[in-house]
PDB file of N, CA and C in Angstrom:
ATOM      1  N   UNK A   1    -154.146 165.134 103.787  1.00  0.00           N
ATOM      2  CA  UNK A   1    -152.230 164.647 103.812  1.00  0.00           C
ATOM      3  C   UNK A   1    -152.650 163.055 104.304  1.00  0.00           C
ATOM      4  N   UNK A   2    -153.127 163.110 105.378  1.00  0.00           N
ATOM      5  CA  UNK A   2    -153.477 161.521 106.253  1.00  0.00           C
ATOM      6  C   UNK A   2    -153.817 160.621 104.736  1.00  0.00           C
ATOM      7  N   UNK A   3    -154.556 160.897 104.458  1.00  0.00           N
ATOM      8  CA  UNK A   3    -156.495 159.930 103.020  1.00  0.00           C
ATOM      9  C   UNK A   3    -154.579 159.729 101.829  1.00  0.00           C
ATOM     10  N   UNK A   4    -153.632 160.387 102.045  1.00  0.00           N
ATOM     11  CA  UNK A   4    -152.603 160.220 100.970  1.00  0.00           C
ATOM     12  C   UNK A   4    -151.716 159.256 100.852  1.00  0.00           C
ATOM     13  N   UNK A   5    -151.683 159.590 101.782  1.00  0.00           N
ATOM     14  CA  UNK A   5    -150.662 158.349 103.174  1.00  0.00           C
ATOM     15  C   UNK A   5    -150.968 156.657 102.375  1.00  0.00           C
ATOM     16  N   UNK A   6    -152.325 157.246 103.140  1.00  0.00           N
ATOM     17  CA  UNK A   6    -153.225 155.745 103.426  1.00  0.00           C
ATOM     18  C   UNK A   6    -153.048 154.782 102.068  1.00  0.00           C
ATOM     19  N   UNK A   7    -153.974 155.769 100.758  1.00  0.00           N
ATOM     20  CA  UNK A   7    -154.284 155.643  99.969  1.00  0.00           C
ATOM     21  C   UNK A   7    -153.034 155.115  99.077  1.00  0.00           C
ATOM     22  N   UNK A   8    -152.244 155.794  99.145  1.00  0.00           N
ATOM     23  CA  UNK A   8    -150.463 155.454  98.311  1.00  0.00           C
ATOM     24  C   UNK A   8    -149.960 153.735  99.225  1.00  0.00           C
ATOM     25  N   UNK A   9    -150.412 154.411 100.291  1.00  0.00           N
ATOM     26  CA  UNK A   9    -149.475 152.197 101.048  1.00  0.00           C
ATOM     27  C   UNK A   9    -150.842 151.598 100.735  1.00  0.00           C
ATOM     28  N   UNK A  10    -152.294 151.612 100.848  1.00  0.00           N
ATOM     29  CA  UNK A  10    -152.963 150.780 100.315  1.00  0.00           C
ATOM     30  C   UNK A  10    -152.902 150.019  99.022  1.00  0.00           C
ATOM     31  N   UNK A  11    -152.784 151.407  97.658  1.00  0.00           N
ATOM     32  CA  UNK A  11    -152.428 150.592  95.995  1.00  0.00           C
ATOM     33  C   UNK A  11    -150.995 149.733  96.274  1.00  0.00           C
ATOM     34  N   UNK A  12    -149.716 150.469  97.157  1.00  0.00           N
ATOM     35  CA  UNK A  12    -148.774 149.391  96.915  1.00  0.00           C
ATOM     36  C   UNK A  12    -149.095 148.058  97.823  1.00  0.00           C
ATOM     37  N   UNK A  13    -149.452 148.157  98.617  1.00  0.00           N
ATOM     38  CA  UNK A  13    -149.884 146.782  99.783  1.00  0.00           C
ATOM     39  C   UNK A  13    -150.694 145.853  98.225  1.00  0.00           C
ATOM     40  N   UNK A  14    -151.984 146.238  97.871  1.00  0.00           N
ATOM     41  CA  UNK A  14    -152.899 145.895  97.282  1.00  0.00           C
ATOM     42  C   UNK A  14    -151.621 145.229  95.852  1.00  0.00           C
ATOM     43  N   UNK A  15    -150.875 145.730  95.043  1.00  0.00           N
ATOM     44  CA  UNK A  15    -150.060 145.915  93.955  1.00  0.00           C
ATOM     45  C   UNK A  15    -149.548 144.624  94.488  1.00  0.00           C
ATOM     46  N   UNK A  16    -148.367 144.714  95.831  1.00  0.00           N
ATOM     47  CA  UNK A  16    -147.750 143.845  96.143  1.00  0.00           C
ATOM     48  C   UNK A  16    -148.352 141.669  96.186  1.00  0.00           C
ATOM     49  N   UNK A  17    -149.071 142.422  96.759  1.00  0.00           N
ATOM     50  CA  UNK A  17    -150.268 141.511  97.226  1.00  0.00           C
ATOM     51  C   UNK A  17    -150.661 140.392  96.155  1.00  0.00           C
ATOM     52  N   UNK A  18    -151.117 141.260  94.686  1.00  0.00           N
ATOM     53  CA  UNK A  18    -151.847 140.776  93.691  1.00  0.00           C
ATOM     54  C   UNK A  18    -150.477 139.947  92.718  1.00  0.00           C
ATOM     55  N   UNK A  19    -149.349 140.632  92.607  1.00  0.00           N
ATOM     56  CA  UNK A  19    -148.046 139.875  92.165  1.00  0.00           C
ATOM     57  C   UNK A  19    -147.647 138.656  93.224  1.00  0.00           C
ATOM     58  N   UNK A  20    -147.550 138.796  94.694  1.00  0.00           N
ATOM     59  CA  UNK A  20    -147.561 138.009  95.265  1.00  0.00           C
ATOM     60  C   UNK A  20    -148.303 136.161  94.928  1.00  0.00           C
ATOM     61  N   UNK A  21    -149.755 136.414  94.959  1.00  0.00           N
ATOM     62  CA  UNK A  21    -150.712 136.013  94.753  1.00  0.00           C
ATOM     63  C   UNK A  21    -150.502 134.825  93.247  1.00  0.00           C
ATOM     64  N   UNK A  22    -150.479 135.761  92.270  1.00  0.00           N
ATOM     65  CA  UNK A  22    -150.257 135.213  90.925  1.00  0.00           C
ATOM     66  C   UNK A  22    -148.911 134.237  90.947  1.00  0.00           C
ATOM     67  N   UNK A  23    -147.783 134.238  91.763  1.00  0.00           N
ATOM     68  CA  UNK A  23    -146.785 133.911  91.321  1.00  0.00           C
ATOM     69  C   UNK A  23    -146.839 132.248  92.421  1.00  0.00           C
ATOM     70  N   UNK A  24    -147.708 132.031  93.246  1.00  0.00           N
ATOM     71  CA  UNK A  24    -148.033 130.907  94.108  1.00  0.00           C
ATOM     72  C   UNK A  24    -149.461 130.289  94.007  1.00  0.00           C
ATOM     73  N   UNK A  25    -149.670 128.837  94.125  1.00  0.00           N
ATOM     74  CA  UNK A  25    -150.527 128.151  93.612  1.00  0.00           C
ATOM     75  C   UNK A  25    -151.790 128.430  94.711  1.00  0.00           C
ATOM     76  N   UNK A  26    -153.047 128.291  94.051  1.00  0.00           N
ATOM     77  CA  UNK A  26    -154.254 128.558  94.721  1.00  0.00           C
ATOM     78  C   UNK A  26    -154.340 127.494  95.821  1.00  0.00           C
ATOM     79  N   UNK A  27    -154.697 127.925  97.213  1.00  0.00           N
ATOM     80  CA  UNK A  27    -154.964 128.947  97.871  1.00  0.00           C
ATOM     81  C   UNK A  27    -154.080 129.431  98.528  1.00  0.00           C
ATOM     82  N   UNK A  28    -152.687 129.218  98.201  1.00  0.00           N
ATOM     83  CA  UNK A  28    -151.398 129.093  99.295  1.00  0.00           C
ATOM     84  C   UNK A  28    -151.178 130.152  99.331  1.00  0.00           C
ATOM     85  N   UNK A  29    -151.317 131.155  97.839  1.00  0.00           N
ATOM     86  CA  UNK A  29    -150.924 132.818  97.874  1.00  0.00           C
ATOM     87  C   UNK A  29    -151.585 133.556  98.725  1.00  0.00           C
ATOM     88  N   UNK A  30    -152.710 133.148  98.983  1.00  0.00           N
ATOM     89  CA  UNK A  30    -153.359 133.968 100.002  1.00  0.00           C
ATOM     90  C   UNK A  30    -152.991 133.830 101.583  1.00  0.00           C
ATOM     91  N   UNK A  31    -153.021 132.601 101.838  1.00  0.00           N
ATOM     92  CA  UNK A  31    -152.318 132.533 103.412  1.00  0.00           C
ATOM     93  C   UNK A  31    -150.998 132.860 103.305  1.00  0.00           C
ATOM     94  N   UNK A  32    -150.212 132.955 102.405  1.00  0.00           N
ATOM     95  CA  UNK A  32    -148.712 132.971 102.741  1.00  0.00           C
ATOM     96  C   UNK A  32    -148.710 135.228 102.520  1.00  0.00           C
ATOM     97  N   UNK A  33    -149.479 135.317 102.623  1.00  0.00           N
ATOM     98  CA  UNK A  33    -149.678 136.813 101.913  1.00  0.00           C
ATOM     99  C   UNK A  33    -150.315 137.321 103.162  1.00  0.00           C
ATOM    100  N   UNK A  34    -151.703 136.262 104.025  1.00  0.00           N
ATOM    101  CA  UNK A  34    -151.953 137.167 105.347  1.00  0.00           C
ATOM    102  C   UNK A  34    -150.963 136.674 106.397  1.00  0.00           C
ATOM    103  N   UNK A  35    -150.333 135.371 106.439  1.00  0.00           N
ATOM    104  CA  UNK A  35    -149.123 134.967 108.026  1.00  0.00           C
ATOM    105  C   UNK A  35    -147.744 135.987 107.113  1.00  0.00           C
ATOM    106  N   UNK A  36    -147.372 136.437 106.304  1.00  0.00           N
ATOM    107  CA  UNK A  36    -145.834 137.537 106.244  1.00  0.00           C
ATOM    108  C   UNK A  36    -146.985 139.063 106.193  1.00  0.00           C
ATOM    109  N   UNK A  37    -147.933 139.022 106.109  1.00  0.00           N
ATOM    110  CA  UNK A  37    -148.665 140.228 106.716  1.00  0.00           C
ATOM    111  C   UNK A  37    -148.531 140.420 107.979  1.00  0.00           C
ATOM    112  N   UNK A  38    -149.190 139.700 108.774  1.00  0.00           N
ATOM    113  CA  UNK A  38    -149.140 139.474 110.088  1.00  0.00           C
ATOM    114  C   UNK A  38    -147.856 139.462 110.747  1.00  0.00           C
ATOM    115  N   UNK A  39    -146.759 138.908 110.282  1.00  0.00           N
ATOM    116  CA  UNK A  39    -145.882 139.060 110.842  1.00  0.00           C
ATOM    117  C   UNK A  39    -144.834 140.262 110.542  1.00  0.00           C
ATOM    118  N   UNK A  40    -145.261 141.231 109.267  1.00  0.00           N
ATOM    119  CA  UNK A  40    -145.074 142.449 109.101  1.00  0.00           C
ATOM    120  C   UNK A  40    -145.118 143.375 110.191  1.00  0.00           C
ATOM    121  N   UNK A  41    -146.570 142.911 109.981  1.00  0.00           N
ATOM    122  CA  UNK A  41    -147.150 143.707 111.575  1.00  0.00           C
ATOM    123  C   UNK A  41    -147.007 143.787 112.556  1.00  0.00           C
ATOM    124  N   UNK A  42    -146.905 142.562 113.123  1.00  0.00           N
ATOM    125  CA  UNK A  42    -146.394 142.856 114.880  1.00  0.00           C
ATOM    126  C   UNK A  42    -144.773 143.389 114.721  1.00  0.00           C
ATOM    127  N   UNK A  43    -143.929 143.376 113.908  1.00  0.00           N
ATOM    128  CA  UNK A  43    -142.672 143.750 113.422  1.00  0.00           C
ATOM    129  C   UNK A  43    -143.376 145.692 113.590  1.00  0.00           C
ATOM    130  N   UNK A  44    -144.035 146.139 112.290  1.00  0.00           N
ATOM    131  CA  UNK A  44    -143.891 146.965 112.815  1.00  0.00           C
ATOM    132  C   UNK A  44    -144.861 147.989 113.712  1.00  0.00           C
ATOM    133  N   UNK A  45    -145.848 147.262 114.443  1.00  0.00           N
ATOM    134  CA  UNK A  45    -146.408 147.405 115.304  1.00  0.00           C
ATOM    135  C   UNK A  45    -145.308 147.684 116.977  1.00  0.00           C
ATOM    136  N   UNK A  46    -144.128 147.293 117.079  1.00  0.00           N
ATOM    137  CA  UNK A  46    -143.737 147.631 118.130  1.00  0.00           C
ATOM    138  C   UNK A  46    -142.529 148.537 117.230  1.00  0.00           C
ATOM    139  N   UNK A  47    -142.136 148.152 116.028  1.00  0.00           N
ATOM    140  CA  UNK A  47    -141.470 149.911 115.705  1.00  0.00           C
ATOM    141  C   UNK A  47    -141.764 151.310 115.583  1.00  0.00           C
ATOM    142  N   UNK A  48    -143.742 151.342 115.151  1.00  0.00           N
ATOM    143  CA  UNK A  48    -143.772 152.682 115.169  1.00  0.00           C
ATOM    144  C   UNK A  48    -144.802 152.925 116.499  1.00  0.00           C
ATOM    145  N   UNK A  49    -144.594 152.181 117.492  1.00  0.00           N
ATOM    146  CA  UNK A  49    -144.651 151.779 119.157  1.00  0.00           C
ATOM    147  C   UNK A  49    -143.739 152.595 119.722  1.00  0.00           C
ATOM    148  N   UNK A  50    -142.422 152.288 118.916  1.00  0.00           N
ATOM    149  CA  UNK A  50    -141.062 152.707 119.904  1.00  0.00           C
ATOM    150  C   UNK A  50    -140.093 153.757 118.914  1.00  0.00           C
ATOM    151  N   UNK A  51    -140.166 153.687 118.013  1.00  0.00           N
ATOM    152  CA  UNK A  51    -139.904 154.728 116.917  1.00  0.00           C
ATOM    153  C   UNK A  51    -139.741 155.874 116.491  1.00  0.00           C
ATOM    154  N   UNK A  52    -141.213 155.141 115.580  1.00  0.00           N
ATOM    155  CA  UNK A  52    -141.870 156.724 114.970  1.00  0.00           C
ATOM    156  C   UNK A  52    -143.566 156.235 114.564  1.00  0.00           C
ATOM    157  N   UNK A  53    -144.231 157.333 114.595  1.00  0.00           N
ATOM    158  CA  UNK A  53    -145.487 157.308 114.268  1.00  0.00           C
ATOM    159  C   UNK A  53    -146.054 158.093 113.746  1.00  0.00           C
ATOM    160  N   UNK A  54    -147.661 158.453 113.541  1.00  0.00           N
ATOM    161  CA  UNK A  54    -147.872 159.179 113.351  1.00  0.00           C
ATOM    162  C   UNK A  54    -148.117 159.209 111.591  1.00  0.00           C
ATOM    163  N   UNK A  55    -147.710 159.793 110.539  1.00  0.00           N
ATOM    164  CA  UNK A  55    -147.665 159.403 109.225  1.00  0.00           C
ATOM    165  C   UNK A  55    -147.415 158.422 108.571  1.00  0.00           C
ATOM    166  N   UNK A  56    -146.274 158.094 109.273  1.00  0.00           N
ATOM    167  CA  UNK A  56    -145.371 156.673 108.639  1.00  0.00           C
ATOM    168  C   UNK A  56    -145.912 155.898 108.941  1.00  0.00           C
ATOM    169  N   UNK A  57    -146.498 155.281 110.504  1.00  0.00           N
ATOM    170  CA  UNK A  57    -147.584 154.168 110.883  1.00  0.00           C
ATOM    171  C   UNK A  57    -148.281 154.342 109.803  1.00  0.00           C
ATOM    172  N   UNK A  58    -149.226 155.112 109.339  1.00  0.00           N
ATOM    173  CA  UNK A  58    -150.445 154.898 108.817  1.00  0.00           C
ATOM    174  C   UNK A  58    -150.165 154.498 107.663  1.00  0.00           C
ATOM    175  N   UNK A  59    -148.881 154.813 106.689  1.00  0.00           N
ATOM    176  CA  UNK A  59    -148.572 154.507 105.367  1.00  0.00           C
ATOM    177  C   UNK A  59    -148.166 153.189 105.446  1.00  0.00           C
ATOM    178  N   UNK A  60    -147.317 152.220 106.384  1.00  0.00           N
ATOM    179  CA  UNK A  60    -147.179 151.757 106.152  1.00  0.00           C
ATOM    180  C   UNK A  60    -148.438 150.461 106.907  1.00  0.00           C
ATOM    181  N   UNK A  61    -148.519 150.861 107.982  1.00  0.00           N
ATOM    182  CA  UNK A  61    -149.698 149.592 108.909  1.00  0.00           C
ATOM    183  C   UNK A  61    -151.168 149.536 108.066  1.00  0.00           C
ATOM    184  N   UNK A  62    -151.422 150.683 108.308  1.00  0.00           N
ATOM    185  CA  UNK A  62    -152.890 150.934 107.751  1.00  0.00           C
ATOM    186  C   UNK A  62    -153.110 150.894 106.098  1.00  0.00           C
ATOM    187  N   UNK A  63    -151.846 151.494 105.328  1.00  0.00           N
ATOM    188  CA  UNK A  63    -151.726 151.590 103.901  1.00  0.00           C
ATOM    189  C   UNK A  63    -151.313 150.469 103.071  1.00  0.00           C
ATOM    190  N   UNK A  64    -150.355 149.761 103.632  1.00  0.00           N
ATOM    191  CA  UNK A  64    -149.453 149.192 102.821  1.00  0.00           C
ATOM    192  C   UNK A  64    -149.597 147.335 103.523  1.00  0.00           C
ATOM    193  N   UNK A  65    -149.247 147.504 104.571  1.00  0.00           N
ATOM    194  CA  UNK A  65    -149.833 146.161 105.186  1.00  0.00           C
ATOM    195  C   UNK A  65    -151.553 145.641 105.033  1.00  0.00           C
ATOM    196  N   UNK A  66    -152.630 147.092 105.212  1.00  0.00           N
ATOM    197  CA  UNK A  66    -154.021 146.987 104.949  1.00  0.00           C
ATOM    198  C   UNK A  66    -154.201 146.391 103.746  1.00  0.00           C
ATOM    199  N   UNK A  67    -153.396 147.470 102.769  1.00  0.00           N
ATOM    200  CA  UNK A  67    -153.986 146.980 100.888  1.00  0.00           C
ATOM    201  C   UNK A  67    -153.332 145.076 100.620  1.00  0.00           C
ATOM    202  N   UNK A  68    -152.137 144.767 101.802  1.00  0.00           N
ATOM    203  CA  UNK A  68    -151.813 143.849 101.873  1.00  0.00           C
ATOM    204  C   UNK A  68    -152.367 142.579 101.575  1.00  0.00           C
ATOM    205  N   UNK A  69    -152.694 142.380 103.363  1.00  0.00           N
ATOM    206  CA  UNK A  69    -153.413 141.259 104.045  1.00  0.00           C
ATOM    207  C   UNK A  69    -155.003 141.655 104.105  1.00  0.00           C
ATOM    208  N   UNK A  70    -155.739 140.377 103.046  1.00  0.00           N
ATOM    209  CA  UNK A  70    -156.929 140.193 103.091  1.00  0.00           C
ATOM    210  C   UNK A  70    -157.321 139.400 102.993  1.00  0.00           C
ATOM    211  N   UNK A  71    -158.696 139.925 104.214  1.00  0.00           N
ATOM    212  CA  UNK A  71    -159.805 138.628 104.827  1.00  0.00           C
ATOM    213  C   UNK A  71    -160.967 138.560 103.761  1.00  0.00           C
ATOM    214  N   UNK A  72    -161.394 139.254 102.726  1.00  0.00           N
ATOM    215  CA  UNK A  72    -161.855 139.385 101.644  1.00  0.00           C
ATOM    216  C   UNK A  72    -161.485 137.880 100.444  1.00  0.00           C
ATOM    217  N   UNK A  73    -160.650 138.122 100.360  1.00  0.00           N
ATOM    218  CA  UNK A  73    -159.684 136.892  99.546  1.00  0.00           C
ATOM    219  C   UNK A  73    -159.496 135.319 100.005  1.00  0.00           C
ATOM    220  N   UNK A  74    -158.943 135.856 101.796  1.00  0.00           N
ATOM    221  CA  UNK A  74    -159.739 134.512 102.535  1.00  0.00           C
ATOM    222  C   UNK A  74    -160.393 133.819 102.369  1.00  0.00           C
ATOM    223  N   UNK A  75    -161.635 134.222 102.639  1.00  0.00           N
ATOM    224  CA  UNK A  75    -163.249 133.787 102.099  1.00  0.00           C
ATOM    225  C   UNK A  75    -163.331 133.257 101.262  1.00  0.00           C
ATOM    226  N   UNK A  76    -163.599 134.369 100.201  1.00  0.00           N
ATOM    227  CA  UNK A  76    -163.415 133.613  98.704  1.00  0.00           C
ATOM    228  C   UNK A  76    -162.634 131.664  98.811  1.00  0.00           C
ATOM    229  N   UNK A  77    -161.311 132.234  99.124  1.00  0.00           N
ATOM    230  CA  UNK A  77    -160.548 131.089  98.733  1.00  0.00           C
ATOM    231  C   UNK A  77    -161.662 130.218  99.226  1.00  0.00           C
ATOM    232  N   UNK A  78    -162.217 129.542 100.835  1.00  0.00           N
ATOM    233  CA  UNK A  78    -162.771 128.793 101.544  1.00  0.00           C
ATOM    234  C   UNK A  78    -163.635 128.372 100.506  1.00  0.00           C
ATOM    235  N   UNK A  79    -164.988 129.369 100.244  1.00  0.00           N
ATOM    236  CA  UNK A  79    -165.795 129.269  98.961  1.00  0.00           C
ATOM    237  C   UNK A  79    -165.426 128.182  97.893  1.00  0.00           C
ATOM    238  N   UNK A  80    -164.576 128.929  97.192  1.00  0.00           N
ATOM    239  CA  UNK A  80    -163.542 128.070  96.104  1.00  0.00           C
ATOM    240  C   UNK A  80    -163.703 126.661  96.946  1.00  0.00           C
ATOM    241  N   UNK A  81    -162.913 126.748  98.063  1.00  0.00           N
ATOM    242  CA  UNK A  81    -162.709 125.037  97.748  1.00  0.00           C
ATOM    243  C   UNK A  81    -163.999 124.449  98.759  1.00  0.00           C
ATOM    244  N   UNK A  82    -164.676 124.604  98.918  1.00  0.00           N
ATOM    245  CA  UNK A  82    -166.156 124.043  99.051  1.00  0.00           C
ATOM    246  C   UNK A  82    -167.416 124.100  98.174  1.00  0.00           C
ATOM    247  N   UNK A  83    -167.144 124.864  97.308  1.00  0.00           N
ATOM    248  CA  UNK A  83    -167.246 124.686  95.394  1.00  0.00           C
ATOM    249  C   UNK A  83    -166.965 122.949  95.112  1.00  0.00           C
ATOM    250  N   UNK A  84    -165.564 123.233  95.173  1.00  0.00           N
ATOM    251  CA  UNK A  84    -165.374 121.919  94.427  1.00  0.00           C
ATOM    252  C   UNK A  84    -164.474 121.017  95.697  1.00  0.00           C
ATOM    253  N   UNK A  85    -165.305 120.933  96.942  1.00  0.00           N
ATOM    254  CA  UNK A  85    -165.800 119.967  97.863  1.00  0.00           C
ATOM    255  C   UNK A  85    -164.402 119.286  98.250  1.00  0.00           C
ATOM    256  N   UNK A  86    -163.570 120.525  98.193  1.00  0.00           N
ATOM    257  CA  UNK A  86    -161.906 120.093  99.053  1.00  0.00           C
ATOM    258  C   UNK A  86    -162.679 120.242 100.139  1.00  0.00           C
ATOM    259  N   UNK A  87    -163.507 119.537 101.297  1.00  0.00           N
ATOM    260  CA  UNK A  87    -163.752 120.075 102.618  1.00  0.00           C
ATOM    261  C   UNK A  87    -162.904 119.855 103.680  1.00  0.00           C
ATOM    262  N   UNK A  88    -162.135 119.232 103.786  1.00  0.00           N
ATOM    263  CA  UNK A  88    -161.115 119.012 104.715  1.00  0.00           C
ATOM    264  C   UNK A  88    -159.895 119.731 103.817  1.00  0.00           C
ATOM    265  N   UNK A  89    -159.512 120.328 103.221  1.00  0.00           N
ATOM    266  CA  UNK A  89    -158.641 120.927 102.449  1.00  0.00           C
ATOM    267  C   UNK A  89    -159.374 122.271 103.122  1.00  0.00           C
ATOM    268  N   UNK A  90    -160.119 122.790 102.796  1.00  0.00           N
ATOM    269  CA  UNK A  90    -161.238 124.090 103.326  1.00  0.00           C
ATOM    270  C   UNK A  90    -160.628 124.322 104.915  1.00  0.00           C
ATOM    271  N   UNK A  91    -161.033 123.252 105.697  1.00  0.00           N
ATOM    272  CA  UNK A  91    -160.949 123.217 106.870  1.00  0.00           C
ATOM    273  C   UNK A  91    -159.651 123.291 107.220  1.00  0.00           C
ATOM    274  N   UNK A  92    -158.630 122.960 106.946  1.00  0.00           N
ATOM    275  CA  UNK A  92    -157.319 122.643 106.929  1.00  0.00           C
ATOM    276  C   UNK A  92    -156.946 123.796 107.044  1.00  0.00           C
ATOM    277  N   UNK A  93    -156.963 124.695 105.752  1.00  0.00           N
ATOM    278  CA  UNK A  93    -156.582 126.497 105.404  1.00  0.00           C
ATOM    279  C   UNK A  93    -157.512 127.492 106.092  1.00  0.00           C
ATOM    280  N   UNK A  94    -158.627 127.177 106.708  1.00  0.00           N
ATOM    281  CA  UNK A  94    -159.092 128.103 107.527  1.00  0.00           C
ATOM    282  C   UNK A  94    -158.634 128.276 109.263  1.00  0.00           C
ATOM    283  N   UNK A  95    -158.127 126.898 109.464  1.00  0.00           N
ATOM    284  CA  UNK A  95    -156.946 126.583 110.501  1.00  0.00           C
ATOM    285  C   UNK A  95    -155.553 127.190 110.116  1.00  0.00           C
ATOM    286  N   UNK A  96    -155.133 126.563 109.337  1.00  0.00           N
ATOM    287  CA  UNK A  96    -154.023 126.998 108.654  1.00  0.00           C
ATOM    288  C   UNK A  96    -153.800 128.890 109.108  1.00  0.00           C
ATOM    289  N   UNK A  97    -154.704 129.353 108.463  1.00  0.00           N
ATOM    290  CA  UNK A  97    -154.472 130.484 108.421  1.00  0.00           C
ATOM    291  C   UNK A  97    -155.053 131.859 109.214  1.00  0.00           C
ATOM    292  N   UNK A  98    -155.490 130.509 110.165  1.00  0.00           N
ATOM    293  CA  UNK A  98    -155.721 131.797 111.414  1.00  0.00           C
ATOM    294  C   UNK A  98    -154.625 131.122 112.243  1.00  0.00           C
ATOM    295  N   UNK A  99    -154.256 130.238 112.429  1.00  0.00           N
ATOM    296  CA  UNK A  99    -153.067 129.802 113.466  1.00  0.00           C
ATOM    297  C   UNK A  99    -151.893 129.903 113.308  1.00  0.00           C
ATOM    298  N   UNK A 100    -151.292 130.604 111.948  1.00  0.00           N
ATOM    299  CA  UNK A 100    -150.066 130.594 111.316  1.00  0.00           C
ATOM    300  C   UNK A 100    -150.613 132.727 111.357  1.00  0.00           C
ATOM    301  N   UNK A 101    -151.273 132.847 110.880  1.00  0.00           N
ATOM    302  CA  UNK A 101    -151.385 134.706 111.347  1.00  0.00           C
ATOM    303  C   UNK A 101    -151.010 134.888 112.639  1.00  0.00           C
ATOM    304  N   UNK A 102    -151.757 134.460 113.398  1.00  0.00           N
ATOM    305  CA  UNK A 102    -151.502 134.601 114.589  1.00  0.00           C
ATOM    306  C   UNK A 102    -149.828 134.283 115.648  1.00  0.00           C
ATOM    307  N   UNK A 103    -149.559 133.296 115.229  1.00  0.00           N
ATOM    308  CA  UNK A 103    -148.436 133.044 115.396  1.00  0.00           C
ATOM    309  C   UNK A 103    -147.528 133.872 114.616  1.00  0.00           C
ATOM    310  N   UNK A 104    -147.648 134.210 113.607  1.00  0.00           N
ATOM    311  CA  UNK A 104    -146.369 135.189 112.702  1.00  0.00           C
ATOM    312  C   UNK A 104    -146.688 136.982 112.749  1.00  0.00           C
ATOM    313  N   UNK A 105    -147.324 136.698 113.965  1.00  0.00           N
ATOM    314  CA  UNK A 105    -147.968 138.398 114.391  1.00  0.00           C
ATOM    315  C   UNK A 105    -146.941 138.280 116.058  1.00  0.00           C
ATOM    316  N   UNK A 106    -146.850 137.597 116.905  1.00  0.00           N
ATOM    317  CA  UNK A 106    -146.377 137.469 118.290  1.00  0.00           C
ATOM    318  C   UNK A 106    -145.201 136.758 117.755  1.00  0.00           C
ATOM    319  N   UNK A 107    -144.392 135.847 116.687  1.00  0.00           N
ATOM    320  CA  UNK A 107    -142.997 136.425 116.887  1.00  0.00           C
ATOM    321  C   UNK A 107    -142.774 137.377 116.389  1.00  0.00           C
ATOM    322  N   UNK A 108    -143.038 138.311 115.074  1.00  0.00           N
ATOM    323  CA  UNK A 108    -142.713 139.702 115.183  1.00  0.00           C
ATOM    324  C   UNK A 108    -142.508 140.684 116.063  1.00  0.00           C
ATOM    325  N   UNK A 109    -143.726 140.795 116.726  1.00  0.00           N
ATOM    326  CA  UNK A 109    -143.888 141.682 117.901  1.00  0.00           C
ATOM    327  C   UNK A 109    -142.351 140.782 118.560  1.00  0.00           C
ATOM    328  N   UNK A 110    -142.208 139.464 119.105  1.00  0.00           N
ATOM    329  CA  UNK A 110    -140.567 139.244 119.493  1.00  0.00           C
ATOM    330  C   UNK A 110    -139.405 139.356 119.408  1.00  0.00           C
ATOM    331  N   UNK A 111    -139.320 139.473 118.001  1.00  0.00           N
ATOM    332  CA  UNK A 111    -138.242 139.208 117.471  1.00  0.00           C
ATOM    333  C   UNK A 111    -138.035 141.213 117.249  1.00  0.00           C
ATOM    334  N   UNK A 112    -139.301 141.773 117.186  1.00  0.00           N
ATOM    335  CA  UNK A 112    -139.203 143.095 116.928  1.00  0.00           C
ATOM    336  C   UNK A 112    -138.172 143.805 118.597  1.00  0.00           C
ATOM    337  N   UNK A 113    -139.055 143.103 119.611  1.00  0.00           N
ATOM    338  CA  UNK A 113    -138.706 143.469 121.179  1.00  0.00           C
ATOM    339  C   UNK A 113    -137.662 143.553 121.180  1.00  0.00           C
ATOM    340  N   UNK A 114    -137.041 141.888 120.572  1.00  0.00           N
ATOM    341  CA  UNK A 114    -135.606 141.729 121.157  1.00  0.00           C
ATOM    342  C   UNK A 114    -134.337 142.429 120.433  1.00  0.00           C
ATOM    343  N   UNK A 115    -134.940 142.932 119.375  1.00  0.00           N
ATOM    344  CA  UNK A 115    -133.550 144.040 118.735  1.00  0.00           C
ATOM    345  C   UNK A 115    -133.722 144.730 118.771  1.00  0.00           C
ATOM    346  N   UNK A 116    -134.676 145.515 119.231  1.00  0.00           N
ATOM    347  CA  UNK A 116    -134.711 147.338 119.480  1.00  0.00           C
ATOM    348  C   UNK A 116    -134.283 146.920 121.471  1.00  0.00           C
ATOM    349  N   UNK A 117    -133.777 146.128 121.991  1.00  0.00           N
ATOM    350  CA  UNK A 117    -134.123 146.583 123.806  1.00  0.00           C
ATOM    351  C   UNK A 117    -132.614 145.995 123.512  1.00  0.00           C
TER     352      UNK A 117
END
């Protein structure tokens, strides 16, 4: 049953990512997805560690958010930017993706801890 929760969540996350990235210009869509996913992961980490666990944590964190966020799409975006010789933009995209995703997960954790305490 665990595998079904993860697979279903992954399918949902991948579909949401697909539709969101279609609606936002390249490569900003992947950046938004990864930063938003990191923020939601921070919230989920605190929520599931304090309130719920088990199947729901796997469904949401491993499934939905795992299917939603994507390192491979980020990597491909960087390659595509290099191919069109947008080197400075690619460097900024790499830095923005890493910095904003890390900040987002910390903000999510901080906000959720503040809400539940």
